[in-house]
Amino acid sequence: MEQRSQHVASLRQEITYLDGLNAQYHKRQKHTAIEQFKYEQWQNRLREIRQELLTMREGPPAPSVWWDRSRRSQGA
């Protein structure tokens, strides 16, 4: 459980950092291609973090679902 709370704390720090970068980006009127690329990367990372947090909240899939998937993939 300690590992999980440390991981969540790490994700929060990353979100804060990315939010700061996004705020700086939005303060400027014009952006270079590199800045636009970086902005897209930050947005993608925020989506990944959001998905990871949702997965952590929902928990792992039921073992029977995992078992059924592995049997189907072996038989295919």
PDB file of N, CA and C in Angstrom:
ATOM      1  N   MET A   1       0.821  -1.185   0.000  1.00  0.00           N
ATOM      2  CA  MET A   1       0.000   0.000   0.000  1.00  0.00           C
ATOM      3  C   MET A   1       0.873   1.260   0.000  1.00  0.00           C
ATOM      4  N   GLU A   2       2.007   1.193   0.691  1.00  0.00           N
ATOM      5  CA  GLU A   2       2.923   2.332   0.735  1.00  0.00           C
ATOM      6  C   GLU A   2       3.436   2.667  -0.656  1.00  0.00           C
ATOM      7  N   GLN A   3       3.751   1.636  -1.438  1.00  0.00           N
ATOM      8  CA  GLN A   3       4.231   1.839  -2.803  1.00  0.00           C
ATOM      9  C   GLN A   3       3.187   2.564  -3.633  1.00  0.00           C
ATOM     10  N   ARG A   4       1.943   2.172  -3.463  1.00  0.00           N
ATOM     11  CA  ARG A   4       0.860   2.777  -4.235  1.00  0.00           C
ATOM     12  C   ARG A   4       0.711   4.256  -3.905  1.00  0.00           C
ATOM     13  N   SER A   5       0.764   4.600  -2.622  1.00  0.00           N
ATOM     14  CA  SER A   5       0.618   6.006  -2.245  1.00  0.00           C
ATOM     15  C   SER A   5       1.819   6.821  -2.733  1.00  0.00           C
ATOM     16  N   GLN A   6       3.004   6.234  -2.736  1.00  0.00           N
ATOM     17  CA  GLN A   6       4.177   6.928  -3.271  1.00  0.00           C
ATOM     18  C   GLN A   6       4.029   7.150  -4.773  1.00  0.00           C
ATOM     19  N   HIS A   7       3.484   6.149  -5.454  1.00  0.00           N
ATOM     20  CA  HIS A   7       3.283   6.268  -6.897  1.00  0.00           C
ATOM     21  C   HIS A   7       2.266   7.370  -7.207  1.00  0.00           C
ATOM     22  N   VAL A   8       1.180   7.420  -6.448  1.00  0.00           N
ATOM     23  CA  VAL A   8       0.163   8.457  -6.630  1.00  0.00           C
ATOM     24  C   VAL A   8       0.777   9.827  -6.355  1.00  0.00           C
ATOM     25  N   ALA A   9       1.595   9.936  -5.333  1.00  0.00           N
ATOM     26  CA  ALA A   9       2.258  11.205  -5.027  1.00  0.00           C
ATOM     27  C   ALA A   9       3.177  11.621  -6.178  1.00  0.00           C
ATOM     28  N   SER A  10       3.871  10.655  -6.753  1.00  0.00           N
ATOM     29  CA  SER A  10       4.742  10.934  -7.892  1.00  0.00           C
ATOM     30  C   SER A  10       3.930  11.419  -9.093  1.00  0.00           C
ATOM     31  N   LEU A  11       2.794  10.789  -9.326  1.00  0.00           N
ATOM     32  CA  LEU A  11       1.932  11.213 -10.432  1.00  0.00           C
ATOM     33  C   LEU A  11       1.393  12.624 -10.200  1.00  0.00           C
ATOM     34  N   ARG A  12       1.062  12.931  -8.961  1.00  0.00           N
ATOM     35  CA  ARG A  12       0.592  14.292  -8.638  1.00  0.00           C
ATOM     36  C   ARG A  12       1.673  15.326  -8.927  1.00  0.00           C
ATOM     37  N   GLN A  13       2.911  15.008  -8.574  1.00  0.00           N
ATOM     38  CA  GLN A  13       4.016  15.926  -8.854  1.00  0.00           C
ATOM     39  C   GLN A  13       4.170  16.129 -10.357  1.00  0.00           C
ATOM     40  N   GLU A  14       4.052  15.044 -11.098  1.00  0.00           N
ATOM     41  CA  GLU A  14       4.181  15.142 -12.554  1.00  0.00           C
ATOM     42  C   GLU A  14       3.047  15.981 -13.139  1.00  0.00           C
ATOM     43  N   ILE A  15       1.834  15.804 -12.627  1.00  0.00           N
ATOM     44  CA  ILE A  15       0.696  16.596 -13.091  1.00  0.00           C
ATOM     45  C   ILE A  15       0.945  18.078 -12.820  1.00  0.00           C
ATOM     46  N   THR A  16       1.433  18.405 -11.628  1.00  0.00           N
ATOM     47  CA  THR A  16       1.730  19.792 -11.272  1.00  0.00           C
ATOM     48  C   THR A  16       2.777  20.378 -12.215  1.00  0.00           C
ATOM     49  N   TYR A  17       3.805  19.599 -12.500  1.00  0.00           N
ATOM     50  CA  TYR A  17       4.854  20.046 -13.408  1.00  0.00           C
ATOM     51  C   TYR A  17       4.285  20.295 -14.805  1.00  0.00           C
ATOM     52  N   LEU A  18       3.498  19.344 -15.318  1.00  0.00           N
ATOM     53  CA  LEU A  18       2.921  19.491 -16.653  1.00  0.00           C
ATOM     54  C   LEU A  18       1.935  20.654 -16.719  1.00  0.00           C
ATOM     55  N   ASP A  19       1.185  20.864 -15.655  1.00  0.00           N
ATOM     56  CA  ASP A  19       0.274  22.012 -15.606  1.00  0.00           C
ATOM     57  C   ASP A  19       1.055  23.321 -15.703  1.00  0.00           C
ATOM     58  N   GLY A  20       2.185  23.383 -15.043  1.00  0.00           N
ATOM     59  CA  GLY A  20       3.032  24.575 -15.129  1.00  0.00           C
ATOM     60  C   GLY A  20       3.547  24.812 -16.541  1.00  0.00           C
ATOM     61  N   LEU A  21       3.973  23.736 -17.193  1.00  0.00           N
ATOM     62  CA  LEU A  21       4.426  23.856 -18.578  1.00  0.00           C
ATOM     63  C   LEU A  21       3.288  24.324 -19.486  1.00  0.00           C
ATOM     64  N   ASN A  22       2.109  23.768 -19.272  1.00  0.00           N
ATOM     65  CA  ASN A  22       0.952  24.162 -20.073  1.00  0.00           C
ATOM     66  C   ASN A  22       0.600  25.627 -19.850  1.00  0.00           C
ATOM     67  N   ALA A  23       0.692  26.094 -18.623  1.00  0.00           N
ATOM     68  CA  ALA A  23       0.397  27.502 -18.327  1.00  0.00           C
ATOM     69  C   ALA A  23       1.378  28.413 -19.053  1.00  0.00           C
ATOM     70  N   GLN A  24       2.654  28.043 -19.042  1.00  0.00           N
ATOM     71  CA  GLN A  24       3.654  28.829 -19.763  1.00  0.00           C
ATOM     72  C   GLN A  24       3.364  28.838 -21.260  1.00  0.00           C
ATOM     73  N   TYR A  25       2.983  27.695 -21.790  1.00  0.00           N
ATOM     74  CA  TYR A  25       2.676  27.572 -23.214  1.00  0.00           C
ATOM     75  C   TYR A  25       1.523  28.498 -23.597  1.00  0.00           C
ATOM     76  N   HIS A  26       0.490  28.522 -22.781  1.00  0.00           N
ATOM     77  CA  HIS A  26      -0.703  29.307 -23.104  1.00  0.00           C
ATOM     78  C   HIS A  26      -0.499  30.807 -22.912  1.00  0.00           C
ATOM     79  N   LYS A  27       0.531  31.215 -22.207  1.00  0.00           N
ATOM     80  CA  LYS A  27       0.815  32.640 -22.042  1.00  0.00           C
ATOM     81  C   LYS A  27       1.329  33.266 -23.338  1.00  0.00           C
ATOM     82  N   ARG A  28       1.931  32.452 -24.181  1.00  0.00           N
ATOM     83  CA  ARG A  28       2.502  32.957 -25.429  1.00  0.00           C
ATOM     84  C   ARG A  28       1.450  32.928 -26.531  1.00  0.00           C
ATOM     85  N   GLN A  29       1.562  33.892 -27.426  1.00  0.00           N
ATOM     86  CA  GLN A  29       0.599  33.989 -28.529  1.00  0.00           C
ATOM     87  C   GLN A  29       0.959  33.060 -29.689  1.00  0.00           C
ATOM     88  N   LYS A  30       2.239  33.001 -30.012  1.00  0.00           N
ATOM     89  CA  LYS A  30       2.692  32.176 -31.138  1.00  0.00           C
ATOM     90  C   LYS A  30       3.631  31.096 -30.621  1.00  0.00           C
ATOM     91  N   HIS A  31       3.612  29.958 -31.319  1.00  0.00           N
ATOM     92  CA  HIS A  31       4.411  28.821 -30.887  1.00  0.00           C
ATOM     93  C   HIS A  31       5.178  28.239 -32.073  1.00  0.00           C
ATOM     94  N   THR A  32       6.385  27.817 -31.792  1.00  0.00           N
ATOM     95  CA  THR A  32       7.173  27.138 -32.814  1.00  0.00           C
ATOM     96  C   THR A  32       6.651  25.714 -32.973  1.00  0.00           C
ATOM     97  N   ALA A  33       7.104  25.060 -34.011  1.00  0.00           N
ATOM     98  CA  ALA A  33       6.712  23.666 -34.242  1.00  0.00           C
ATOM     99  C   ALA A  33       7.169  22.779 -33.089  1.00  0.00           C
ATOM    100  N   ILE A  34       8.334  23.065 -32.555  1.00  0.00           N
ATOM    101  CA  ILE A  34       8.857  22.279 -31.432  1.00  0.00           C
ATOM    102  C   ILE A  34       7.979  22.474 -30.200  1.00  0.00           C
ATOM    103  N   GLU A  35       7.593  23.721 -29.925  1.00  0.00           N
ATOM    104  CA  GLU A  35       6.724  23.990 -28.783  1.00  0.00           C
ATOM    105  C   GLU A  35       5.377  23.294 -28.939  1.00  0.00           C
ATOM    106  N   GLN A  36       4.839  23.294 -30.141  1.00  0.00           N
ATOM    107  CA  GLN A  36       3.569  22.609 -30.385  1.00  0.00           C
ATOM    108  C   GLN A  36       3.710  21.107 -30.171  1.00  0.00           C
ATOM    109  N   PHE A  37       4.831  20.554 -30.648  1.00  0.00           N
ATOM    110  CA  PHE A  37       5.084  19.126 -30.453  1.00  0.00           C
ATOM    111  C   PHE A  37       5.179  18.784 -28.970  1.00  0.00           C
ATOM    112  N   LYS A  38       5.934  19.598 -28.231  1.00  0.00           N
ATOM    113  CA  LYS A  38       6.074  19.365 -26.791  1.00  0.00           C
ATOM    114  C   LYS A  38       4.721  19.459 -26.097  1.00  0.00           C
ATOM    115  N   TYR A  39       3.921  20.427 -26.484  1.00  0.00           N
ATOM    116  CA  TYR A  39       2.593  20.593 -25.899  1.00  0.00           C
ATOM    117  C   TYR A  39       1.749  19.331 -26.122  1.00  0.00           C
ATOM    118  N   GLU A  40       1.794  18.803 -27.328  1.00  0.00           N
ATOM    119  CA  GLU A  40       1.051  17.570 -27.619  1.00  0.00           C
ATOM    120  C   GLU A  40       1.554  16.413 -26.763  1.00  0.00           C
ATOM    121  N   GLN A  41       2.865  16.348 -26.558  1.00  0.00           N
ATOM    122  CA  GLN A  41       3.439  15.298 -25.723  1.00  0.00           C
ATOM    123  C   GLN A  41       2.963  15.431 -24.287  1.00  0.00           C
ATOM    124  N   TRP A  42       2.899  16.661 -23.771  1.00  0.00           N
ATOM    125  CA  TRP A  42       2.419  16.883 -22.404  1.00  0.00           C
ATOM    126  C   TRP A  42       0.969  16.456 -22.285  1.00  0.00           C
ATOM    127  N   GLN A  43       0.169  16.795 -23.297  1.00  0.00           N
ATOM    128  CA  GLN A  43      -1.240  16.420 -23.264  1.00  0.00           C
ATOM    129  C   GLN A  43      -1.400  14.897 -23.293  1.00  0.00           C
ATOM    130  N   ASN A  44      -0.587  14.248 -24.108  1.00  0.00           N
ATOM    131  CA  ASN A  44      -0.626  12.786 -24.162  1.00  0.00           C
ATOM    132  C   ASN A  44      -0.250  12.180 -22.817  1.00  0.00           C
ATOM    133  N   ARG A  45       0.768  12.734 -22.189  1.00  0.00           N
ATOM    134  CA  ARG A  45       1.185  12.210 -20.883  1.00  0.00           C
ATOM    135  C   ARG A  45       0.099  12.416 -19.842  1.00  0.00           C
ATOM    136  N   LEU A  46      -0.569  13.561 -19.870  1.00  0.00           N
ATOM    137  CA  LEU A  46      -1.674  13.787 -18.930  1.00  0.00           C
ATOM    138  C   LEU A  46      -2.793  12.763 -19.148  1.00  0.00           C
ATOM    139  N   ARG A  47      -3.067  12.427 -20.411  1.00  0.00           N
ATOM    140  CA  ARG A  47      -4.071  11.387 -20.696  1.00  0.00           C
ATOM    141  C   ARG A  47      -3.629  10.034 -20.141  1.00  0.00           C
ATOM    142  N   GLU A  48      -2.352   9.718 -20.312  1.00  0.00           N
ATOM    143  CA  GLU A  48      -1.823   8.457 -19.785  1.00  0.00           C
ATOM    144  C   GLU A  48      -1.961   8.397 -18.269  1.00  0.00           C
ATOM    145  N   ILE A  49      -1.633   9.496 -17.602  1.00  0.00           N
ATOM    146  CA  ILE A  49      -1.740   9.545 -16.143  1.00  0.00           C
ATOM    147  C   ILE A  49      -3.189   9.372 -15.726  1.00  0.00           C
ATOM    148  N   ARG A  50      -4.087  10.070 -16.419  1.00  0.00           N
ATOM    149  CA  ARG A  50      -5.516   9.951 -16.098  1.00  0.00           C
ATOM    150  C   ARG A  50      -5.976   8.498 -16.231  1.00  0.00           C
ATOM    151  N   GLN A  51      -5.550   7.830 -17.312  1.00  0.00           N
ATOM    152  CA  GLN A  51      -5.935   6.432 -17.520  1.00  0.00           C
ATOM    153  C   GLN A  51      -5.331   5.542 -16.437  1.00  0.00           C
ATOM    154  N   GLU A  52      -4.099   5.801 -16.066  1.00  0.00           N
ATOM    155  CA  GLU A  52      -3.445   5.007 -15.020  1.00  0.00           C
ATOM    156  C   GLU A  52      -4.170   5.160 -13.684  1.00  0.00           C
ATOM    157  N   LEU A  53      -4.552   6.390 -13.358  1.00  0.00           N
ATOM    158  CA  LEU A  53      -5.276   6.616 -12.112  1.00  0.00           C
ATOM    159  C   LEU A  53      -6.644   5.937 -12.125  1.00  0.00           C
ATOM    160  N   LEU A  54      -7.313   5.964 -13.266  1.00  0.00           N
ATOM    161  CA  LEU A  54      -8.602   5.264 -13.367  1.00  0.00           C
ATOM    162  C   LEU A  54      -8.427   3.766 -13.167  1.00  0.00           C
ATOM    163  N   THR A  55      -7.384   3.223 -13.773  1.00  0.00           N
ATOM    164  CA  THR A  55      -7.110   1.790 -13.627  1.00  0.00           C
ATOM    165  C   THR A  55      -6.806   1.451 -12.178  1.00  0.00           C
ATOM    166  N   MET A  56      -6.037   2.301 -11.513  1.00  0.00           N
ATOM    167  CA  MET A  56      -5.710   2.064 -10.106  1.00  0.00           C
ATOM    168  C   MET A  56      -6.971   2.119  -9.250  1.00  0.00           C
ATOM    169  N   ARG A  57      -7.855   3.058  -9.562  1.00  0.00           N
ATOM    170  CA  ARG A  57      -9.086   3.205  -8.778  1.00  0.00           C
ATOM    171  C   ARG A  57     -10.012   2.012  -8.971  1.00  0.00           C
ATOM    172  N   GLU A  58     -10.116   1.552 -10.214  1.00  0.00           N
ATOM    173  CA  GLU A  58     -11.020   0.445 -10.513  1.00  0.00           C
ATOM    174  C   GLU A  58     -10.447  -0.894 -10.089  1.00  0.00           C
ATOM    175  N   GLY A  59      -9.163  -0.992  -9.983  1.00  0.00           N
ATOM    176  CA  GLY A  59      -8.524  -2.242  -9.606  1.00  0.00           C
ATOM    177  C   GLY A  59      -8.300  -3.123 -10.811  1.00  0.00           C
ATOM    178  N   PRO A  60      -7.579  -4.201 -10.622  1.00  0.00           N
ATOM    179  CA  PRO A  60      -7.308  -5.102 -11.746  1.00  0.00           C
ATOM    180  C   PRO A  60      -8.582  -5.815 -12.172  1.00  0.00           C
ATOM    181  N   PRO A  61      -8.616  -6.295 -13.412  1.00  0.00           N
ATOM    182  CA  PRO A  61      -9.796  -7.019 -13.852  1.00  0.00           C
ATOM    183  C   PRO A  61      -9.983  -8.297 -13.045  1.00  0.00           C
ATOM    184  N   ALA A  62     -11.190  -8.787 -13.025  1.00  0.00           N
ATOM    185  CA  ALA A  62     -11.489 -10.014 -12.289  1.00  0.00           C
ATOM    186  C   ALA A  62     -10.629 -11.156 -12.824  1.00  0.00           C
ATOM    187  N   PRO A  63     -10.118 -12.041 -11.949  1.00  0.00           N
ATOM    188  CA  PRO A  63      -9.262 -13.145 -12.407  1.00  0.00           C
ATOM    189  C   PRO A  63      -9.926 -14.008 -13.465  1.00  0.00           C
ATOM    190  N   SER A  64     -11.242 -14.204 -13.365  1.00  0.00           N
ATOM    191  CA  SER A  64     -11.917 -15.038 -14.357  1.00  0.00           C
ATOM    192  C   SER A  64     -11.848 -14.411 -15.737  1.00  0.00           C
ATOM    193  N   VAL A  65     -11.904 -13.089 -15.829  1.00  0.00           N
ATOM    194  CA  VAL A  65     -11.799 -12.413 -17.120  1.00  0.00           C
ATOM    195  C   VAL A  65     -10.402 -12.616 -17.673  1.00  0.00           C
ATOM    196  N   TRP A  66      -9.379 -12.460 -16.833  1.00  0.00           N
ATOM    197  CA  TRP A  66      -8.011 -12.676 -17.269  1.00  0.00           C
ATOM    198  C   TRP A  66      -7.821 -14.116 -17.724  1.00  0.00           C
ATOM    199  N   TRP A  67      -8.346 -15.055 -16.962  1.00  0.00           N
ATOM    200  CA  TRP A  67      -8.187 -16.468 -17.288  1.00  0.00           C
ATOM    201  C   TRP A  67      -8.855 -16.798 -18.610  1.00  0.00           C
ATOM    202  N   ASP A  68     -10.061 -16.291 -18.816  1.00  0.00           N
ATOM    203  CA  ASP A  68     -10.783 -16.534 -20.068  1.00  0.00           C
ATOM    204  C   ASP A  68     -10.017 -15.975 -21.261  1.00  0.00           C
ATOM    205  N   ARG A  69      -9.444 -14.788 -21.117  1.00  0.00           N
ATOM    206  CA  ARG A  69      -8.677 -14.187 -22.214  1.00  0.00           C
ATOM    207  C   ARG A  69      -7.459 -15.024 -22.557  1.00  0.00           C
ATOM    208  N   SER A  70      -6.752 -15.504 -21.538  1.00  0.00           N
ATOM    209  CA  SER A  70      -5.526 -16.258 -21.810  1.00  0.00           C
ATOM    210  C   SER A  70      -5.854 -17.597 -22.461  1.00  0.00           C
ATOM    211  N   ARG A  71      -6.948 -18.212 -22.079  1.00  0.00           N
ATOM    212  CA  ARG A  71      -7.324 -19.489 -22.713  1.00  0.00           C
ATOM    213  C   ARG A  71      -7.719 -19.271 -24.168  1.00  0.00           C
ATOM    214  N   ARG A  72      -8.443 -18.174 -24.454  1.00  0.00           N
ATOM    215  CA  ARG A  72      -8.850 -17.896 -25.829  1.00  0.00           C
ATOM    216  C   ARG A  72      -7.639 -17.619 -26.708  1.00  0.00           C
ATOM    217  N   SER A  73      -6.663 -16.879 -26.212  1.00  0.00           N
ATOM    218  CA  SER A  73      -5.507 -16.546 -27.031  1.00  0.00           C
ATOM    219  C   SER A  73      -4.644 -17.783 -27.284  1.00  0.00           C
ATOM    220  N   GLN A  74      -4.625 -18.731 -26.371  1.00  0.00           N
ATOM    221  CA  GLN A  74      -3.843 -19.960 -26.582  1.00  0.00           C
ATOM    222  C   GLN A  74      -4.510 -20.866 -27.604  1.00  0.00           C
ATOM    223  N   GLY A  75      -5.837 -20.839 -27.630  1.00  0.00           N
ATOM    224  CA  GLY A  75      -6.560 -21.715 -28.542  1.00  0.00           C
ATOM    225  C   GLY A  75      -6.615 -21.170 -29.949  1.00  0.00           C
ATOM    226  N   ALA A  76      -6.349 -19.906 -30.128  1.00  0.00           N
ATOM    227  CA  ALA A  76      -6.463 -19.274 -31.446  1.00  0.00           C
ATOM    228  C   ALA A  76      -5.282 -19.563 -32.313  1.00  0.00           C
TER     229      ALA A  76
END
